[in-house]
N, C-alpha and C. Protein backbone atom coordinates (compact mmCIF):
# COMPACT_ATOMS: atom_id res chain seq x y z
N MET A 1 0.87 -1.19 0.01
CA MET A 1 -0.01 0.03 0.02
C MET A 1 0.93 1.23 -0.01
N HIS A 2 0.94 1.95 -1.09
CA HIS A 2 1.81 3.10 -1.16
C HIS A 2 1.37 4.31 -0.34
N GLU A 3 0.14 4.29 0.18
CA GLU A 3 -0.35 5.36 1.00
C GLU A 3 0.47 5.51 2.26
N ILE A 4 1.01 4.39 2.80
CA ILE A 4 1.81 4.48 4.02
C ILE A 4 3.13 5.30 3.68
N SER A 5 3.75 5.05 2.55
CA SER A 5 4.92 5.80 2.21
C SER A 5 4.57 7.24 1.97
N LEU A 6 3.42 7.53 1.44
CA LEU A 6 2.97 8.94 1.25
C LEU A 6 2.83 9.65 2.58
N VAL A 7 2.24 8.97 3.58
CA VAL A 7 2.08 9.53 4.90
C VAL A 7 3.47 9.79 5.53
N ARG A 8 4.37 8.86 5.42
CA ARG A 8 5.70 9.11 5.98
C ARG A 8 6.37 10.29 5.28
N THR A 9 6.16 10.43 4.01
CA THR A 9 6.75 11.59 3.28
C THR A 9 6.08 12.89 3.76
N ILE A 10 4.85 12.89 4.06
CA ILE A 10 4.17 14.10 4.59
C ILE A 10 4.82 14.44 5.91
N PHE A 11 5.00 13.48 6.79
CA PHE A 11 5.61 13.77 8.11
C PHE A 11 7.03 14.27 7.95
N ARG A 12 7.82 13.63 7.12
CA ARG A 12 9.19 14.07 6.84
C ARG A 12 9.24 15.48 6.33
N THR A 13 8.29 15.83 5.39
CA THR A 13 8.22 17.21 4.89
C THR A 13 7.92 18.24 5.95
N LEU A 14 6.95 17.89 6.85
CA LEU A 14 6.63 18.79 7.98
C LEU A 14 7.79 18.95 8.90
N GLU A 15 8.49 17.88 9.20
CA GLU A 15 9.66 17.90 10.08
C GLU A 15 10.78 18.75 9.48
N ALA A 16 10.92 18.79 8.17
CA ALA A 16 11.94 19.54 7.51
C ALA A 16 11.57 21.05 7.46
N GLU A 17 10.26 21.33 7.45
CA GLU A 17 9.85 22.74 7.29
C GLU A 17 9.63 23.48 8.58
N PHE A 18 9.29 22.75 9.64
CA PHE A 18 8.98 23.35 10.93
C PHE A 18 9.88 22.87 12.00
N PRO A 19 10.18 23.76 13.01
CA PRO A 19 11.00 23.32 14.10
C PRO A 19 10.23 22.25 14.96
N ALA A 20 10.94 21.33 15.60
CA ALA A 20 10.37 20.24 16.37
C ALA A 20 9.38 20.80 17.37
N ALA A 21 9.76 21.90 18.06
CA ALA A 21 8.89 22.43 19.08
C ALA A 21 7.55 22.98 18.44
N GLY A 22 7.65 23.50 17.31
CA GLY A 22 6.46 23.99 16.60
C GLY A 22 5.52 22.98 16.20
N LEU A 23 5.99 21.75 15.91
CA LEU A 23 5.05 20.69 15.49
C LEU A 23 4.27 20.18 16.67
N ASP A 24 4.68 20.45 17.88
CA ASP A 24 3.91 20.00 19.08
C ASP A 24 2.51 20.70 19.04
N GLY A 25 2.42 21.82 18.42
CA GLY A 25 1.11 22.56 18.39
C GLY A 25 0.31 22.30 17.14
N LEU A 26 0.72 21.31 16.33
CA LEU A 26 0.00 21.01 15.11
C LEU A 26 -1.37 20.41 15.39
N GLU A 27 -2.35 20.97 14.76
CA GLU A 27 -3.75 20.51 14.97
C GLU A 27 -4.28 19.73 13.77
N ARG A 28 -4.01 20.26 12.56
CA ARG A 28 -4.60 19.61 11.35
C ARG A 28 -3.67 19.77 10.12
N ILE A 29 -3.65 18.67 9.35
CA ILE A 29 -2.96 18.72 8.09
C ILE A 29 -4.00 18.62 7.00
N GLU A 30 -3.98 19.58 6.07
CA GLU A 30 -4.95 19.56 4.95
C GLU A 30 -4.22 19.26 3.65
N LEU A 31 -4.69 18.27 2.97
CA LEU A 31 -4.13 17.85 1.67
C LEU A 31 -5.09 18.19 0.58
N LYS A 32 -4.48 18.55 -0.58
CA LYS A 32 -5.28 18.73 -1.80
C LYS A 32 -4.99 17.52 -2.69
N VAL A 33 -6.04 16.81 -3.02
CA VAL A 33 -5.88 15.57 -3.80
C VAL A 33 -6.81 15.52 -4.99
N GLY A 34 -6.24 15.24 -6.14
CA GLY A 34 -7.04 15.11 -7.39
C GLY A 34 -7.22 13.65 -7.71
N PRO A 35 -8.28 13.36 -8.46
CA PRO A 35 -8.59 11.96 -8.84
C PRO A 35 -7.50 11.27 -9.67
N LEU A 36 -6.66 12.03 -10.34
CA LEU A 36 -5.58 11.44 -11.15
C LEU A 36 -4.35 11.23 -10.37
N SER A 37 -4.33 11.48 -9.10
CA SER A 37 -3.08 11.30 -8.28
C SER A 37 -2.86 9.83 -7.88
N ASN A 38 -3.83 8.98 -8.13
CA ASN A 38 -3.69 7.56 -7.86
C ASN A 38 -3.64 7.34 -6.37
N VAL A 39 -4.43 8.10 -5.57
CA VAL A 39 -4.51 7.97 -4.17
C VAL A 39 -5.99 7.72 -3.75
N GLU A 40 -6.16 6.69 -2.96
CA GLU A 40 -7.44 6.38 -2.41
C GLU A 40 -7.57 7.09 -1.07
N THR A 41 -8.50 7.99 -0.92
CA THR A 41 -8.56 8.79 0.30
C THR A 41 -8.84 7.98 1.54
N ILE A 42 -9.64 6.95 1.42
CA ILE A 42 -9.90 6.10 2.61
C ILE A 42 -8.65 5.36 3.04
N LEU A 43 -7.96 4.83 2.02
CA LEU A 43 -6.68 4.19 2.35
C LEU A 43 -5.65 5.12 2.93
N LEU A 44 -5.65 6.38 2.43
CA LEU A 44 -4.76 7.35 2.92
C LEU A 44 -5.02 7.65 4.37
N GLN A 45 -6.32 7.82 4.70
CA GLN A 45 -6.71 8.11 6.11
C GLN A 45 -6.39 6.95 7.02
N ASN A 46 -6.61 5.71 6.53
CA ASN A 46 -6.22 4.51 7.35
C ASN A 46 -4.73 4.44 7.51
N ALA A 47 -3.96 4.76 6.50
CA ALA A 47 -2.50 4.73 6.56
C ALA A 47 -2.04 5.80 7.57
N PHE A 48 -2.67 6.97 7.54
CA PHE A 48 -2.31 8.09 8.42
C PHE A 48 -2.46 7.63 9.89
N ASN A 49 -3.66 7.01 10.12
CA ASN A 49 -3.91 6.56 11.52
C ASN A 49 -2.95 5.43 11.95
N ALA A 50 -2.65 4.56 11.03
CA ALA A 50 -1.72 3.46 11.40
C ALA A 50 -0.28 3.97 11.66
N VAL A 51 0.16 4.88 10.83
CA VAL A 51 1.57 5.45 11.00
C VAL A 51 1.61 6.23 12.28
N VAL A 52 0.59 7.04 12.59
CA VAL A 52 0.58 7.77 13.81
C VAL A 52 0.65 6.86 15.06
N GLU A 53 -0.19 5.80 15.01
CA GLU A 53 -0.25 4.91 16.12
C GLU A 53 1.07 4.10 16.31
N GLU A 54 1.65 3.67 15.21
CA GLU A 54 2.78 2.75 15.28
C GLU A 54 4.16 3.42 15.31
N GLU A 55 4.30 4.59 14.60
CA GLU A 55 5.61 5.15 14.37
C GLU A 55 5.76 6.56 14.79
N GLU A 56 4.75 7.35 14.67
CA GLU A 56 4.84 8.83 14.88
C GLU A 56 3.88 9.30 15.98
N GLN A 57 4.14 8.87 17.19
CA GLN A 57 3.26 9.24 18.29
C GLN A 57 3.18 10.78 18.50
N ARG A 58 4.23 11.45 18.05
CA ARG A 58 4.22 12.92 18.23
C ARG A 58 3.05 13.57 17.49
N PHE A 59 2.53 12.91 16.49
CA PHE A 59 1.41 13.43 15.74
C PHE A 59 0.04 12.96 16.22
N GLN A 60 0.02 12.29 17.34
CA GLN A 60 -1.29 11.87 17.88
C GLN A 60 -2.17 13.08 18.16
N GLY A 61 -3.40 12.98 17.82
CA GLY A 61 -4.33 14.09 18.01
C GLY A 61 -4.40 15.02 16.79
N VAL A 62 -3.50 14.82 15.86
CA VAL A 62 -3.48 15.65 14.61
C VAL A 62 -4.54 15.06 13.65
N GLN A 63 -5.33 15.88 13.09
CA GLN A 63 -6.32 15.48 12.12
C GLN A 63 -5.75 15.56 10.72
N LEU A 64 -6.21 14.61 9.89
CA LEU A 64 -5.89 14.70 8.46
C LEU A 64 -7.16 15.03 7.68
N GLN A 65 -7.16 16.09 6.94
CA GLN A 65 -8.30 16.52 6.16
C GLN A 65 -7.86 16.46 4.65
N VAL A 66 -8.66 15.64 3.91
CA VAL A 66 -8.35 15.48 2.46
C VAL A 66 -9.43 16.30 1.69
N ASN A 67 -8.91 17.25 0.95
CA ASN A 67 -9.77 18.11 0.11
C ASN A 67 -9.63 17.66 -1.34
N LEU A 68 -10.70 17.05 -1.82
CA LEU A 68 -10.71 16.54 -3.19
C LEU A 68 -10.98 17.68 -4.15
N VAL A 69 -10.23 17.69 -5.25
CA VAL A 69 -10.46 18.70 -6.31
C VAL A 69 -10.90 17.92 -7.60
N PRO A 70 -11.75 18.48 -8.41
CA PRO A 70 -12.16 17.84 -9.66
C PRO A 70 -11.06 17.94 -10.69
N ILE A 71 -11.23 17.15 -11.75
CA ILE A 71 -10.35 17.17 -12.90
C ILE A 71 -10.87 18.35 -13.78
N LEU A 72 -9.99 19.22 -14.14
CA LEU A 72 -10.32 20.27 -15.07
C LEU A 72 -9.41 20.19 -16.32
N ILE A 73 -9.97 20.43 -17.46
CA ILE A 73 -9.24 20.52 -18.67
C ILE A 73 -9.34 21.87 -19.30
N GLU A 74 -8.42 22.31 -20.07
CA GLU A 74 -8.49 23.61 -20.75
C GLU A 74 -8.31 23.35 -22.24
N CYS A 75 -9.32 23.69 -23.00
CA CYS A 75 -9.34 23.47 -24.44
C CYS A 75 -8.37 24.44 -25.14
N PRO A 76 -7.43 23.88 -25.94
CA PRO A 76 -6.51 24.75 -26.68
C PRO A 76 -7.21 25.47 -27.88
N GLU A 77 -8.34 24.94 -28.27
CA GLU A 77 -9.08 25.52 -29.40
C GLU A 77 -9.97 26.73 -28.91
N CYS A 78 -10.76 26.55 -27.92
CA CYS A 78 -11.72 27.62 -27.50
C CYS A 78 -11.30 28.26 -26.18
N GLY A 79 -10.36 27.72 -25.44
CA GLY A 79 -9.88 28.34 -24.21
C GLY A 79 -10.72 28.08 -23.00
N GLN A 80 -11.81 27.34 -23.14
CA GLN A 80 -12.71 27.10 -22.02
C GLN A 80 -12.12 26.05 -21.07
N ARG A 81 -12.39 26.22 -19.82
CA ARG A 81 -12.05 25.21 -18.79
C ARG A 81 -13.36 24.39 -18.57
N THR A 82 -13.19 23.11 -18.53
CA THR A 82 -14.31 22.20 -18.36
C THR A 82 -14.01 21.18 -17.31
N GLU A 83 -14.95 20.93 -16.43
CA GLU A 83 -14.80 19.85 -15.41
C GLU A 83 -15.04 18.51 -16.08
N VAL A 84 -14.16 17.57 -15.93
CA VAL A 84 -14.26 16.20 -16.46
C VAL A 84 -15.19 15.43 -15.58
N GLU A 85 -16.15 14.80 -16.25
CA GLU A 85 -17.10 13.94 -15.52
C GLU A 85 -16.98 12.54 -16.13
N ASN A 86 -16.97 11.48 -15.24
CA ASN A 86 -16.87 10.12 -15.68
C ASN A 86 -15.68 9.89 -16.56
N TYR A 87 -14.61 10.58 -16.27
CA TYR A 87 -13.29 10.43 -17.08
C TYR A 87 -13.57 10.67 -18.58
N ARG A 88 -14.42 11.50 -18.91
CA ARG A 88 -14.70 11.84 -20.33
C ARG A 88 -14.04 13.17 -20.58
N PHE A 89 -12.89 13.11 -21.28
CA PHE A 89 -12.05 14.32 -21.42
C PHE A 89 -12.49 15.03 -22.75
N VAL A 90 -13.63 15.71 -22.66
CA VAL A 90 -14.21 16.40 -23.80
C VAL A 90 -14.60 17.81 -23.36
N CYS A 91 -14.19 18.83 -24.09
CA CYS A 91 -14.53 20.22 -23.77
C CYS A 91 -15.98 20.46 -23.97
N GLN A 92 -16.47 21.54 -23.38
CA GLN A 92 -17.87 22.00 -23.57
C GLN A 92 -18.13 22.22 -25.05
N CYS A 93 -17.11 22.61 -25.84
CA CYS A 93 -17.28 22.86 -27.24
C CYS A 93 -17.37 21.58 -28.05
N GLY A 94 -17.17 20.45 -27.38
CA GLY A 94 -17.33 19.15 -28.05
C GLY A 94 -16.07 18.49 -28.51
N ARG A 95 -14.93 19.20 -28.40
CA ARG A 95 -13.66 18.65 -28.89
C ARG A 95 -13.01 17.84 -27.79
N PRO A 96 -12.38 16.69 -28.14
CA PRO A 96 -11.58 15.94 -27.21
C PRO A 96 -10.47 16.82 -26.66
N CYS A 97 -10.10 16.65 -25.40
CA CYS A 97 -9.08 17.44 -24.84
C CYS A 97 -8.29 16.71 -23.78
N ALA A 98 -6.98 16.74 -23.85
CA ALA A 98 -6.14 16.05 -22.88
C ALA A 98 -5.29 17.04 -22.08
N ASN A 99 -5.61 18.34 -22.19
CA ASN A 99 -4.83 19.35 -21.47
C ASN A 99 -5.37 19.52 -20.06
N VAL A 100 -4.85 18.68 -19.11
CA VAL A 100 -5.35 18.70 -17.76
C VAL A 100 -4.65 19.84 -17.00
N VAL A 101 -5.48 20.70 -16.41
CA VAL A 101 -4.91 21.86 -15.58
C VAL A 101 -5.17 21.65 -14.09
N GLN A 102 -5.98 20.66 -13.74
CA GLN A 102 -6.20 20.32 -12.33
C GLN A 102 -6.70 18.90 -12.25
N GLY A 103 -6.25 18.23 -11.17
CA GLY A 103 -6.72 16.88 -10.95
C GLY A 103 -5.59 15.87 -10.71
N ASN A 104 -4.35 16.33 -10.89
CA ASN A 104 -3.21 15.50 -10.61
C ASN A 104 -2.60 15.72 -9.20
N GLU A 105 -3.17 16.68 -8.51
CA GLU A 105 -2.55 17.19 -7.24
C GLU A 105 -2.51 16.05 -6.13
N LEU A 106 -1.45 16.13 -5.44
CA LEU A 106 -1.31 15.46 -4.13
C LEU A 106 -0.25 16.33 -3.41
N MET A 107 -0.80 17.27 -2.62
CA MET A 107 0.08 18.21 -1.95
C MET A 107 -0.46 18.65 -0.59
N ILE A 108 0.47 19.06 0.20
CA ILE A 108 0.05 19.65 1.56
C ILE A 108 -0.48 21.08 1.23
N GLU A 109 -1.74 21.27 1.42
CA GLU A 109 -2.39 22.55 1.10
C GLU A 109 -2.23 23.55 2.25
N ARG A 110 -2.36 23.00 3.46
CA ARG A 110 -2.36 23.90 4.66
C ARG A 110 -2.05 23.06 5.90
N VAL A 111 -1.36 23.66 6.82
CA VAL A 111 -1.17 23.10 8.15
C VAL A 111 -1.78 24.10 9.16
N VAL A 112 -2.49 23.55 10.12
CA VAL A 112 -3.15 24.43 11.12
C VAL A 112 -2.58 24.14 12.51
N PHE A 113 -2.16 25.19 13.16
CA PHE A 113 -1.65 25.00 14.49
C PHE A 113 -2.60 25.54 15.54
N LYS A 114 -2.54 24.99 16.73
CA LYS A 114 -3.39 25.47 17.85
C LYS A 114 -3.03 26.89 18.17
N SER A 115 -4.05 27.68 18.48
CA SER A 115 -3.74 29.12 18.77
C SER A 115 -3.60 29.29 20.28
């Protein structure tokens, strides 16, 4: 399950960006995830819980929030942005389009600390 390695990478990224004392006040990690990122959100949440319980007790009590974003394409012919539904990559103008401008994301969008 590659979600466990993703969670470990998230923790390593946070440890590299914030001082150890600062992470003690971490309340929530918000991720931005697109359908094309090849990540199952339920498996990611389960992996997060497992890694916190088994390896990273310092993150106990921290919430993981996954914000899903839709797939958007931008037509090179008409310039319109269209939300892809049912993996049908067709612009509103009717032309096929593979120019994905959103939907591949897997990123830390925000971290929230206790005030």
